[in-house]
Amino acid sequence: MLPPPALLGLFLSAQQLPPPPVNCTSHAAGIADICLADREFAAAETTRTLPDRTRHLEAALDLYRKGASAANDLATKIAALDAATRTLDATHLNAPVALELTLRELIGLAPNDLRFMFRLAAVQEDQGEIDAAEETLLAVRREQPQQLEPYKMLAQFYARRASAISNELTQASGPMFEPAMTPEWKALIARQH
């Protein structure tokens, strides 16, 4: 059985590679904010209370965004925004609208990095935006027709959709309605055979 879309999103976010480490001793623009954000994110992961965890995650998100805005080079900006997506995913702040916007920004900065497109499609599918998720995957396939991964992702998407539709049809049909077998029904059935 195929995983439901919500599990797919968790699976993709779990497979998401952490952003490349930044050199916190560097004095490049944005690096200090990214390093502070990493500390806030780490604090959120070890905090036991929900309000403290949320506060640390929101602080990390703000610092990642500040680092991305201050960055002078593309790699640092991408690293900061990629790290920001971790704070927005379903296992952290669970902010799918902000996550989608951040992924779209990453796609604009790194259009050839398929990870961001695939993650965007997963977020869309998790939110029930099936047509948008399909269109995102089709756009990747059209842009990179010689790559194997877009075809695999589309096949998995269609398999999940087929499974979901099959399950819906099975649940909708439920137990078959059987009329009470009155003498009239028995006679009608006997005449047809």
N, C-alpha and C. Protein backbone atom coordinates (compact mmCIF):
# COMPACT_ATOMS: atom_id res chain seq x y z
N MET A 1 0.85 -1.19 0.00
CA MET A 1 0.00 0.00 0.00
C MET A 1 0.88 1.24 0.00
N LEU A 2 0.48 2.23 -0.69
CA LEU A 2 1.25 3.47 -0.82
C LEU A 2 0.96 4.40 0.34
N PRO A 3 1.94 5.22 0.72
CA PRO A 3 1.71 6.14 1.83
C PRO A 3 0.77 7.26 1.42
N PRO A 4 -0.07 7.72 2.37
CA PRO A 4 -0.92 8.87 2.05
C PRO A 4 -0.06 10.10 1.87
N PRO A 5 -0.61 11.15 1.26
CA PRO A 5 0.18 12.35 0.97
C PRO A 5 0.86 12.95 2.19
N ALA A 6 0.20 12.94 3.35
CA ALA A 6 0.81 13.53 4.54
C ALA A 6 2.08 12.79 4.91
N LEU A 7 2.05 11.46 4.79
CA LEU A 7 3.26 10.69 5.08
C LEU A 7 4.32 10.95 4.03
N LEU A 8 3.91 11.17 2.81
CA LEU A 8 4.88 11.49 1.76
C LEU A 8 5.62 12.77 2.11
N GLY A 9 4.87 13.78 2.55
CA GLY A 9 5.50 15.04 2.93
C GLY A 9 6.51 14.85 4.05
N LEU A 10 6.15 14.05 5.05
CA LEU A 10 7.09 13.77 6.14
C LEU A 10 8.29 13.01 5.62
N PHE A 11 8.05 12.05 4.71
CA PHE A 11 9.13 11.26 4.14
C PHE A 11 10.10 12.16 3.37
N LEU A 12 9.56 13.05 2.54
CA LEU A 12 10.41 13.95 1.77
C LEU A 12 11.16 14.91 2.66
N SER A 13 10.50 15.41 3.73
CA SER A 13 11.21 16.33 4.61
C SER A 13 12.26 15.58 5.41
N ALA A 14 12.02 14.31 5.73
CA ALA A 14 13.03 13.53 6.44
C ALA A 14 14.21 13.24 5.53
N GLN A 15 13.94 13.06 4.24
CA GLN A 15 15.03 12.81 3.30
C GLN A 15 15.74 14.09 2.89
N GLN A 16 15.15 15.20 3.23
CA GLN A 16 15.74 16.49 2.86
C GLN A 16 17.10 16.60 3.51
N LEU A 17 18.07 16.85 2.71
CA LEU A 17 19.41 17.01 3.24
C LEU A 17 19.49 18.32 4.00
N PRO A 18 20.20 18.30 5.14
CA PRO A 18 20.33 19.57 5.83
C PRO A 18 21.11 20.54 4.96
N PRO A 19 20.86 21.82 5.14
CA PRO A 19 21.60 22.77 4.32
C PRO A 19 23.09 22.64 4.58
N PRO A 20 23.89 22.96 3.59
CA PRO A 20 25.33 22.83 3.80
C PRO A 20 25.76 23.70 4.97
N PRO A 21 26.68 23.19 5.78
CA PRO A 21 27.10 23.99 6.92
C PRO A 21 27.77 25.28 6.45
N VAL A 22 27.49 26.31 7.18
CA VAL A 22 28.13 27.58 6.86
C VAL A 22 29.30 27.76 7.81
N ASN A 23 30.27 28.48 7.34
CA ASN A 23 31.45 28.75 8.15
C ASN A 23 31.11 29.92 9.07
N CYS A 24 30.85 29.61 10.32
CA CYS A 24 30.42 30.65 11.26
C CYS A 24 31.54 31.61 11.64
N THR A 25 32.76 31.31 11.23
CA THR A 25 33.85 32.26 11.49
C THR A 25 34.00 33.25 10.35
N SER A 26 33.26 33.01 9.29
CA SER A 26 33.31 33.91 8.14
C SER A 26 32.62 35.21 8.50
N HIS A 27 33.08 36.27 7.91
CA HIS A 27 32.45 37.57 8.13
C HIS A 27 31.58 37.98 6.94
N ALA A 28 31.24 37.01 6.10
CA ALA A 28 30.39 37.30 4.94
C ALA A 28 29.01 37.72 5.41
N ALA A 29 28.38 38.55 4.62
CA ALA A 29 27.06 39.07 4.95
C ALA A 29 26.05 37.92 5.12
N GLY A 30 25.31 37.97 6.18
CA GLY A 30 24.26 36.98 6.42
C GLY A 30 24.69 35.78 7.23
N ILE A 31 25.98 35.48 7.29
CA ILE A 31 26.47 34.27 7.95
C ILE A 31 26.18 34.30 9.45
N ALA A 32 26.42 35.41 10.10
CA ALA A 32 26.18 35.50 11.54
C ALA A 32 24.72 35.20 11.87
N ASP A 33 23.81 35.72 11.06
CA ASP A 33 22.38 35.46 11.29
C ASP A 33 22.04 33.98 11.10
N ILE A 34 22.63 33.36 10.10
CA ILE A 34 22.38 31.94 9.85
C ILE A 34 22.90 31.11 11.02
N CYS A 35 24.07 31.45 11.53
CA CYS A 35 24.64 30.71 12.66
C CYS A 35 23.78 30.87 13.91
N LEU A 36 23.29 32.07 14.16
CA LEU A 36 22.38 32.29 15.29
C LEU A 36 21.08 31.52 15.09
N ALA A 37 20.60 31.49 13.87
CA ALA A 37 19.38 30.74 13.55
C ALA A 37 19.58 29.25 13.80
N ASP A 38 20.75 28.74 13.41
CA ASP A 38 21.04 27.32 13.66
C ASP A 38 21.00 27.01 15.15
N ARG A 39 21.50 27.92 15.96
CA ARG A 39 21.47 27.72 17.42
C ARG A 39 20.03 27.72 17.94
N GLU A 40 19.23 28.65 17.43
CA GLU A 40 17.82 28.69 17.84
C GLU A 40 17.10 27.41 17.42
N PHE A 41 17.39 26.94 16.21
CA PHE A 41 16.76 25.71 15.72
C PHE A 41 17.16 24.53 16.60
N ALA A 42 18.44 24.44 16.95
CA ALA A 42 18.92 23.37 17.82
C ALA A 42 18.26 23.45 19.20
N ALA A 43 18.10 24.67 19.70
CA ALA A 43 17.43 24.85 21.00
C ALA A 43 15.97 24.38 20.91
N ALA A 44 15.32 24.66 19.80
CA ALA A 44 13.94 24.23 19.62
C ALA A 44 13.84 22.71 19.62
N GLU A 45 14.82 22.05 19.04
CA GLU A 45 14.80 20.59 18.96
C GLU A 45 14.97 19.93 20.34
N THR A 46 15.60 20.64 21.26
CA THR A 46 15.83 20.06 22.59
C THR A 46 14.86 20.56 23.64
N THR A 47 14.09 21.58 23.34
CA THR A 47 13.12 22.15 24.28
C THR A 47 11.93 21.22 24.42
N ARG A 48 11.45 21.09 25.64
CA ARG A 48 10.35 20.16 25.90
C ARG A 48 8.97 20.82 25.87
N THR A 49 8.89 22.10 26.14
CA THR A 49 7.58 22.74 26.17
C THR A 49 7.25 23.35 24.80
N LEU A 50 6.00 23.23 24.42
CA LEU A 50 5.57 23.71 23.11
C LEU A 50 5.75 25.22 22.94
N PRO A 51 5.39 26.04 23.92
CA PRO A 51 5.58 27.49 23.71
C PRO A 51 7.05 27.86 23.51
N ASP A 52 7.96 27.22 24.27
CA ASP A 52 9.38 27.52 24.10
C ASP A 52 9.88 27.02 22.75
N ARG A 53 9.42 25.85 22.36
CA ARG A 53 9.82 25.29 21.06
C ARG A 53 9.38 26.22 19.93
N THR A 54 8.14 26.66 20.00
CA THR A 54 7.61 27.57 18.97
C THR A 54 8.39 28.88 18.95
N ARG A 55 8.69 29.41 20.14
CA ARG A 55 9.44 30.67 20.22
C ARG A 55 10.82 30.51 19.57
N HIS A 56 11.50 29.41 19.85
CA HIS A 56 12.82 29.17 19.25
C HIS A 56 12.72 29.00 17.73
N LEU A 57 11.71 28.28 17.28
CA LEU A 57 11.54 28.07 15.84
C LEU A 57 11.22 29.38 15.12
N GLU A 58 10.38 30.20 15.71
CA GLU A 58 10.06 31.49 15.09
C GLU A 58 11.28 32.40 15.06
N ALA A 59 12.08 32.35 16.14
CA ALA A 59 13.32 33.15 16.16
C ALA A 59 14.28 32.65 15.09
N ALA A 60 14.38 31.33 14.94
CA ALA A 60 15.25 30.75 13.91
C ALA A 60 14.77 31.17 12.52
N LEU A 61 13.49 31.10 12.30
CA LEU A 61 12.93 31.48 11.00
C LEU A 61 13.24 32.94 10.68
N ASP A 62 13.03 33.81 11.64
CA ASP A 62 13.33 35.24 11.43
C ASP A 62 14.81 35.45 11.10
N LEU A 63 15.68 34.75 11.81
CA LEU A 63 17.12 34.90 11.58
C LEU A 63 17.53 34.31 10.22
N TYR A 64 16.94 33.18 9.84
CA TYR A 64 17.25 32.62 8.51
C TYR A 64 16.83 33.60 7.42
N ARG A 65 15.65 34.19 7.57
CA ARG A 65 15.19 35.15 6.57
C ARG A 65 16.07 36.40 6.55
N LYS A 66 16.47 36.84 7.73
CA LYS A 66 17.37 38.00 7.82
C LYS A 66 18.71 37.68 7.16
N GLY A 67 19.22 36.46 7.40
CA GLY A 67 20.47 36.03 6.78
C GLY A 67 20.36 35.96 5.27
N ALA A 68 19.23 35.46 4.78
CA ALA A 68 19.02 35.37 3.33
C ALA A 68 18.95 36.77 2.71
N SER A 69 18.30 37.69 3.39
CA SER A 69 18.21 39.06 2.87
C SER A 69 19.56 39.76 2.85
N ALA A 70 20.38 39.47 3.85
CA ALA A 70 21.67 40.14 3.96
C ALA A 70 22.74 39.50 3.07
N ALA A 71 22.53 38.26 2.67
CA ALA A 71 23.56 37.52 1.91
C ALA A 71 23.87 38.20 0.58
N ASN A 72 25.15 38.26 0.29
CA ASN A 72 25.60 38.83 -0.99
C ASN A 72 25.79 37.76 -2.06
N ASP A 73 25.94 36.51 -1.63
CA ASP A 73 26.17 35.45 -2.62
C ASP A 73 25.00 34.47 -2.64
N LEU A 74 24.81 33.89 -3.80
CA LEU A 74 23.67 33.01 -4.03
C LEU A 74 23.70 31.78 -3.13
N ALA A 75 24.86 31.18 -2.93
CA ALA A 75 24.95 29.97 -2.12
C ALA A 75 24.49 30.21 -0.68
N THR A 76 24.89 31.33 -0.12
CA THR A 76 24.49 31.66 1.26
C THR A 76 22.99 31.92 1.33
N LYS A 77 22.48 32.64 0.35
CA LYS A 77 21.04 32.94 0.31
C LYS A 77 20.23 31.63 0.21
N ILE A 78 20.67 30.72 -0.66
CA ILE A 78 19.98 29.43 -0.81
C ILE A 78 20.08 28.62 0.47
N ALA A 79 21.26 28.60 1.10
CA ALA A 79 21.43 27.85 2.35
C ALA A 79 20.50 28.39 3.43
N ALA A 80 20.38 29.70 3.53
CA ALA A 80 19.52 30.31 4.55
C ALA A 80 18.04 29.98 4.29
N LEU A 81 17.60 30.12 3.05
CA LEU A 81 16.20 29.84 2.73
C LEU A 81 15.88 28.35 2.85
N ASP A 82 16.82 27.51 2.47
CA ASP A 82 16.62 26.07 2.61
C ASP A 82 16.47 25.71 4.09
N ALA A 83 17.31 26.30 4.93
CA ALA A 83 17.20 26.07 6.37
C ALA A 83 15.87 26.60 6.89
N ALA A 84 15.41 27.71 6.34
CA ALA A 84 14.12 28.27 6.76
C ALA A 84 12.98 27.30 6.47
N THR A 85 13.09 26.55 5.37
CA THR A 85 12.02 25.59 5.05
C THR A 85 11.91 24.50 6.11
N ARG A 86 13.02 24.17 6.76
CA ARG A 86 12.96 23.18 7.84
C ARG A 86 12.09 23.68 8.99
N THR A 87 12.18 24.98 9.29
CA THR A 87 11.38 25.51 10.40
C THR A 87 9.90 25.56 10.05
N LEU A 88 9.59 25.62 8.77
CA LEU A 88 8.21 25.76 8.32
C LEU A 88 7.51 24.43 8.04
N ASP A 89 8.25 23.33 8.01
CA ASP A 89 7.67 22.05 7.60
C ASP A 89 6.66 21.52 8.63
N ALA A 90 6.03 20.40 8.28
CA ALA A 90 4.94 19.85 9.10
C ALA A 90 5.39 19.40 10.48
N THR A 91 6.65 19.09 10.66
CA THR A 91 7.11 18.62 11.96
C THR A 91 7.61 19.75 12.86
N HIS A 92 7.61 20.97 12.35
CA HIS A 92 8.08 22.10 13.15
C HIS A 92 6.96 23.15 13.29
N LEU A 93 7.00 24.24 12.56
CA LEU A 93 5.96 25.26 12.68
C LEU A 93 4.68 24.92 11.92
N ASN A 94 4.77 23.98 11.00
CA ASN A 94 3.61 23.54 10.21
C ASN A 94 2.90 24.74 9.58
N ALA A 95 3.66 25.44 8.75
CA ALA A 95 3.14 26.63 8.06
C ALA A 95 3.23 26.40 6.56
N PRO A 96 2.28 25.63 5.99
CA PRO A 96 2.39 25.25 4.58
C PRO A 96 2.36 26.41 3.59
N VAL A 97 1.62 27.47 3.89
CA VAL A 97 1.56 28.60 2.96
C VAL A 97 2.92 29.29 2.90
N ALA A 98 3.50 29.55 4.06
CA ALA A 98 4.83 30.17 4.11
C ALA A 98 5.88 29.24 3.52
N LEU A 99 5.73 27.94 3.76
CA LEU A 99 6.67 26.97 3.20
C LEU A 99 6.60 26.99 1.68
N GLU A 100 5.39 27.02 1.13
CA GLU A 100 5.23 27.06 -0.32
C GLU A 100 5.87 28.32 -0.92
N LEU A 101 5.66 29.46 -0.28
CA LEU A 101 6.25 30.70 -0.77
C LEU A 101 7.78 30.65 -0.72
N THR A 102 8.32 30.09 0.35
CA THR A 102 9.77 29.99 0.48
C THR A 102 10.35 29.02 -0.55
N LEU A 103 9.66 27.91 -0.79
CA LEU A 103 10.11 26.98 -1.82
C LEU A 103 10.06 27.62 -3.20
N ARG A 104 9.04 28.42 -3.47
CA ARG A 104 8.97 29.12 -4.76
C ARG A 104 10.12 30.11 -4.90
N GLU A 105 10.49 30.75 -3.81
CA GLU A 105 11.64 31.66 -3.85
C GLU A 105 12.92 30.88 -4.13
N LEU A 106 13.06 29.71 -3.50
CA LEU A 106 14.24 28.87 -3.76
C LEU A 106 14.26 28.39 -5.20
N ILE A 107 13.12 28.05 -5.75
CA ILE A 107 13.04 27.61 -7.15
C ILE A 107 13.48 28.74 -8.07
N GLY A 108 13.10 29.96 -7.73
CA GLY A 108 13.54 31.11 -8.53
C GLY A 108 15.04 31.31 -8.47
N LEU A 109 15.63 31.01 -7.31
CA LEU A 109 17.08 31.19 -7.16
C LEU A 109 17.87 30.02 -7.75
N ALA A 110 17.31 28.82 -7.67
CA ALA A 110 18.01 27.62 -8.14
C ALA A 110 17.06 26.77 -8.98
N PRO A 111 16.72 27.24 -10.18
CA PRO A 111 15.71 26.54 -10.99
C PRO A 111 16.11 25.13 -11.43
N ASN A 112 17.38 24.82 -11.42
CA ASN A 112 17.81 23.48 -11.83
C ASN A 112 17.92 22.50 -10.68
N ASP A 113 17.67 22.95 -9.46
CA ASP A 113 17.71 22.07 -8.30
C ASP A 113 16.32 21.45 -8.14
N LEU A 114 16.17 20.21 -8.56
CA LEU A 114 14.87 19.55 -8.57
C LEU A 114 14.30 19.31 -7.18
N ARG A 115 15.15 19.26 -6.17
CA ARG A 115 14.67 19.01 -4.81
C ARG A 115 13.59 20.02 -4.40
N PHE A 116 13.79 21.27 -4.76
CA PHE A 116 12.84 22.29 -4.34
C PHE A 116 11.50 22.12 -5.05
N MET A 117 11.53 21.75 -6.32
CA MET A 117 10.29 21.51 -7.07
C MET A 117 9.55 20.30 -6.49
N PHE A 118 10.29 19.24 -6.18
CA PHE A 118 9.66 18.04 -5.63
C PHE A 118 9.06 18.32 -4.25
N ARG A 119 9.76 19.10 -3.46
CA ARG A 119 9.24 19.45 -2.13
C ARG A 119 8.00 20.33 -2.26
N LEU A 120 8.00 21.24 -3.23
CA LEU A 120 6.83 22.07 -3.47
C LEU A 120 5.63 21.20 -3.85
N ALA A 121 5.83 20.24 -4.74
CA ALA A 121 4.75 19.34 -5.14
C ALA A 121 4.23 18.55 -3.94
N ALA A 122 5.12 18.11 -3.06
CA ALA A 122 4.70 17.36 -1.87
C ALA A 122 3.86 18.24 -0.95
N VAL A 123 4.26 19.48 -0.76
CA VAL A 123 3.50 20.41 0.08
C VAL A 123 2.11 20.64 -0.53
N GLN A 124 2.07 20.83 -1.83
CA GLN A 124 0.79 21.04 -2.50
C GLN A 124 -0.11 19.81 -2.35
N GLU A 125 0.46 18.64 -2.53
CA GLU A 125 -0.33 17.41 -2.40
C GLU A 125 -0.83 17.25 -0.97
N ASP A 126 0.03 17.52 0.00
CA ASP A 126 -0.38 17.43 1.41
C ASP A 126 -1.55 18.35 1.73
N GLN A 127 -1.61 19.49 1.05
CA GLN A 127 -2.67 20.46 1.28
C GLN A 127 -3.92 20.17 0.46
N GLY A 128 -3.90 19.06 -0.28
CA GLY A 128 -5.05 18.70 -1.09
C GLY A 128 -5.12 19.43 -2.42
N GLU A 129 -4.06 20.14 -2.77
CA GLU A 129 -3.99 20.85 -4.04
C GLU A 129 -3.44 19.90 -5.10
N ILE A 130 -4.24 18.90 -5.43
CA ILE A 130 -3.80 17.81 -6.29
C ILE A 130 -3.43 18.30 -7.68
N ASP A 131 -4.25 19.15 -8.27
CA ASP A 131 -3.96 19.65 -9.61
C ASP A 131 -2.67 20.47 -9.63
N ALA A 132 -2.47 21.28 -8.59
CA ALA A 132 -1.24 22.09 -8.51
C ALA A 132 -0.02 21.20 -8.36
N ALA A 133 -0.13 20.16 -7.54
CA ALA A 133 0.99 19.23 -7.35
C ALA A 133 1.32 18.52 -8.66
N GLU A 134 0.30 18.08 -9.36
CA GLU A 134 0.51 17.41 -10.64
C GLU A 134 1.18 18.38 -11.64
N GLU A 135 0.68 19.59 -11.69
CA GLU A 135 1.24 20.58 -12.63
C GLU A 135 2.69 20.90 -12.29
N THR A 136 3.02 20.96 -11.01
CA THR A 136 4.41 21.20 -10.61
C THR A 136 5.30 20.08 -11.09
N LEU A 137 4.86 18.84 -10.90
CA LEU A 137 5.67 17.70 -11.36
C LEU A 137 5.76 17.65 -12.89
N LEU A 138 4.67 17.98 -13.56
CA LEU A 138 4.71 18.01 -15.03
C LEU A 138 5.65 19.11 -15.53
N ALA A 139 5.67 20.24 -14.84
CA ALA A 139 6.58 21.33 -15.22
C ALA A 139 8.03 20.88 -15.09
N VAL A 140 8.34 20.14 -14.04
CA VAL A 140 9.70 19.63 -13.87
C VAL A 140 10.05 18.69 -15.02
N ARG A 141 9.11 17.81 -15.36
CA ARG A 141 9.36 16.86 -16.45
C ARG A 141 9.55 17.58 -17.78
N ARG A 142 8.74 18.62 -18.01
CA ARG A 142 8.88 19.37 -19.27
C ARG A 142 10.21 20.13 -19.32
N GLU A 143 10.63 20.68 -18.18
CA GLU A 143 11.87 21.44 -18.14
C GLU A 143 13.11 20.55 -18.25
N GLN A 144 13.00 19.34 -17.73
CA GLN A 144 14.17 18.44 -17.74
C GLN A 144 13.74 17.05 -18.22
N PRO A 145 13.37 16.94 -19.51
CA PRO A 145 12.83 15.68 -20.03
C PRO A 145 13.83 14.53 -20.07
N GLN A 146 15.11 14.82 -19.99
CA GLN A 146 16.11 13.75 -20.04
C GLN A 146 16.45 13.20 -18.66
N GLN A 147 15.94 13.83 -17.61
CA GLN A 147 16.19 13.37 -16.24
C GLN A 147 15.20 12.27 -15.88
N LEU A 148 15.65 11.25 -15.18
CA LEU A 148 14.80 10.14 -14.78
C LEU A 148 13.92 10.48 -13.58
N GLU A 149 14.45 11.25 -12.65
CA GLU A 149 13.75 11.52 -11.39
C GLU A 149 12.35 12.15 -11.57
N PRO A 150 12.14 13.09 -12.48
CA PRO A 150 10.78 13.62 -12.65
C PRO A 150 9.76 12.54 -13.05
N TYR A 151 10.18 11.60 -13.88
CA TYR A 151 9.28 10.52 -14.27
C TYR A 151 8.95 9.63 -13.08
N LYS A 152 9.94 9.35 -12.25
CA LYS A 152 9.70 8.54 -11.06
C LYS A 152 8.74 9.23 -10.11
N MET A 153 8.94 10.53 -9.91
CA MET A 153 8.07 11.28 -9.01
C MET A 153 6.64 11.35 -9.55
N LEU A 154 6.50 11.51 -10.86
CA LEU A 154 5.17 11.51 -11.46
C LEU A 154 4.50 10.14 -11.31
N ALA A 155 5.25 9.08 -11.54
CA ALA A 155 4.70 7.73 -11.40
C ALA A 155 4.24 7.48 -9.96
N GLN A 156 5.04 7.89 -9.00
CA GLN A 156 4.66 7.73 -7.60
C GLN A 156 3.43 8.58 -7.27
N PHE A 157 3.38 9.77 -7.80
CA PHE A 157 2.22 10.65 -7.60
C PHE A 157 0.96 9.98 -8.13
N TYR A 158 1.02 9.49 -9.37
CA TYR A 158 -0.16 8.85 -9.97
C TYR A 158 -0.54 7.57 -9.24
N ALA A 159 0.43 6.83 -8.75
CA ALA A 159 0.12 5.62 -7.98
C ALA A 159 -0.59 5.99 -6.68
N ARG A 160 -0.14 7.06 -6.01
CA ARG A 160 -0.82 7.51 -4.78
C ARG A 160 -2.24 7.97 -5.09
N ARG A 161 -2.41 8.69 -6.19
CA ARG A 161 -3.74 9.17 -6.57
C ARG A 161 -4.67 7.99 -6.87
N ALA A 162 -4.16 7.01 -7.64
CA ALA A 162 -4.97 5.85 -7.98
C ALA A 162 -5.36 5.08 -6.71
N SER A 163 -4.43 4.95 -5.79
CA SER A 163 -4.71 4.26 -4.53
C SER A 163 -5.75 5.02 -3.72
N ALA A 164 -5.61 6.34 -3.65
CA ALA A 164 -6.56 7.15 -2.88
C ALA A 164 -7.96 7.07 -3.49
N ILE A 165 -8.04 7.14 -4.82
CA ILE A 165 -9.35 7.06 -5.49
C ILE A 165 -9.96 5.68 -5.28
N SER A 166 -9.14 4.65 -5.38
CA SER A 166 -9.62 3.29 -5.17
C SER A 166 -10.17 3.13 -3.75
N ASN A 167 -9.45 3.66 -2.77
CA ASN A 167 -9.91 3.58 -1.38
C ASN A 167 -11.21 4.35 -1.19
N GLU A 168 -11.33 5.53 -1.82
CA GLU A 168 -12.55 6.31 -1.72
C GLU A 168 -13.74 5.56 -2.32
N LEU A 169 -13.52 4.93 -3.46
CA LEU A 169 -14.60 4.18 -4.10
C LEU A 169 -15.02 2.99 -3.25
N THR A 170 -14.04 2.32 -2.67
CA THR A 170 -14.34 1.17 -1.82
C THR A 170 -15.13 1.60 -0.60
N GLN A 171 -14.72 2.71 0.02
CA GLN A 171 -15.43 3.20 1.21
C GLN A 171 -16.82 3.72 0.85
N ALA A 172 -16.94 4.35 -0.32
CA ALA A 172 -18.23 4.91 -0.72
C ALA A 172 -19.25 3.82 -1.01
N SER A 173 -18.79 2.72 -1.58
CA SER A 173 -19.74 1.66 -1.92
C SER A 173 -20.21 0.93 -0.67
N GLY A 174 -19.35 0.81 0.33
CA GLY A 174 -19.73 0.18 1.59
C GLY A 174 -20.35 -1.18 1.36
N PRO A 175 -21.06 -1.67 2.37
CA PRO A 175 -21.71 -2.97 2.18
C PRO A 175 -22.86 -2.84 1.18
N MET A 176 -22.98 -3.80 0.37
CA MET A 176 -24.03 -3.78 -0.66
C MET A 176 -25.40 -3.82 0.01
N PHE A 177 -26.30 -3.02 -0.54
CA PHE A 177 -27.67 -2.99 -0.03
C PHE A 177 -28.39 -4.25 -0.51
N GLU A 178 -28.95 -4.94 0.44
CA GLU A 178 -29.72 -6.13 0.08
C GLU A 178 -31.16 -5.90 0.53
N PRO A 179 -32.08 -5.91 -0.42
CA PRO A 179 -33.47 -5.70 -0.03
C PRO A 179 -33.97 -6.88 0.82
N ALA A 180 -34.95 -6.61 1.64
CA ALA A 180 -35.55 -7.69 2.43
C ALA A 180 -36.16 -8.70 1.45
N MET A 181 -35.93 -9.94 1.70
CA MET A 181 -36.40 -10.98 0.78
C MET A 181 -37.87 -11.34 1.09
N THR A 182 -38.74 -10.47 0.64
CA THR A 182 -40.17 -10.71 0.80
C THR A 182 -40.60 -11.73 -0.25
N PRO A 183 -41.74 -12.32 -0.08
CA PRO A 183 -42.22 -13.28 -1.09
C PRO A 183 -42.29 -12.68 -2.49
N GLU A 184 -42.58 -11.37 -2.58
CA GLU A 184 -42.65 -10.72 -3.89
C GLU A 184 -41.28 -10.68 -4.55
N TRP A 185 -40.26 -10.35 -3.77
CA TRP A 185 -38.89 -10.31 -4.29
C TRP A 185 -38.45 -11.70 -4.73
N LYS A 186 -38.73 -12.70 -3.92
CA LYS A 186 -38.33 -14.08 -4.24
C LYS A 186 -38.98 -14.51 -5.55
N ALA A 187 -40.25 -14.17 -5.74
CA ALA A 187 -40.95 -14.52 -6.95
C ALA A 187 -40.36 -13.80 -8.16
N LEU A 188 -40.02 -12.52 -7.99
CA LEU A 188 -39.42 -11.74 -9.07
C LEU A 188 -38.09 -12.34 -9.48
N ILE A 189 -37.26 -12.68 -8.53
CA ILE A 189 -35.95 -13.25 -8.81
C ILE A 189 -36.10 -14.61 -9.48
N ALA A 190 -37.03 -15.41 -9.01
CA ALA A 190 -37.25 -16.74 -9.59
C ALA A 190 -37.69 -16.64 -11.04
N ARG A 191 -38.51 -15.63 -11.38
CA ARG A 191 -38.96 -15.48 -12.76
C ARG A 191 -37.83 -15.06 -13.70
N GLN A 192 -36.86 -14.33 -13.17
CA GLN A 192 -35.75 -13.87 -14.01
C GLN A 192 -34.76 -14.98 -14.30
N HIS A 193 -34.75 -16.00 -13.49
CA HIS A 193 -33.79 -17.10 -13.72
C HIS A 193 -34.46 -18.18 -14.43
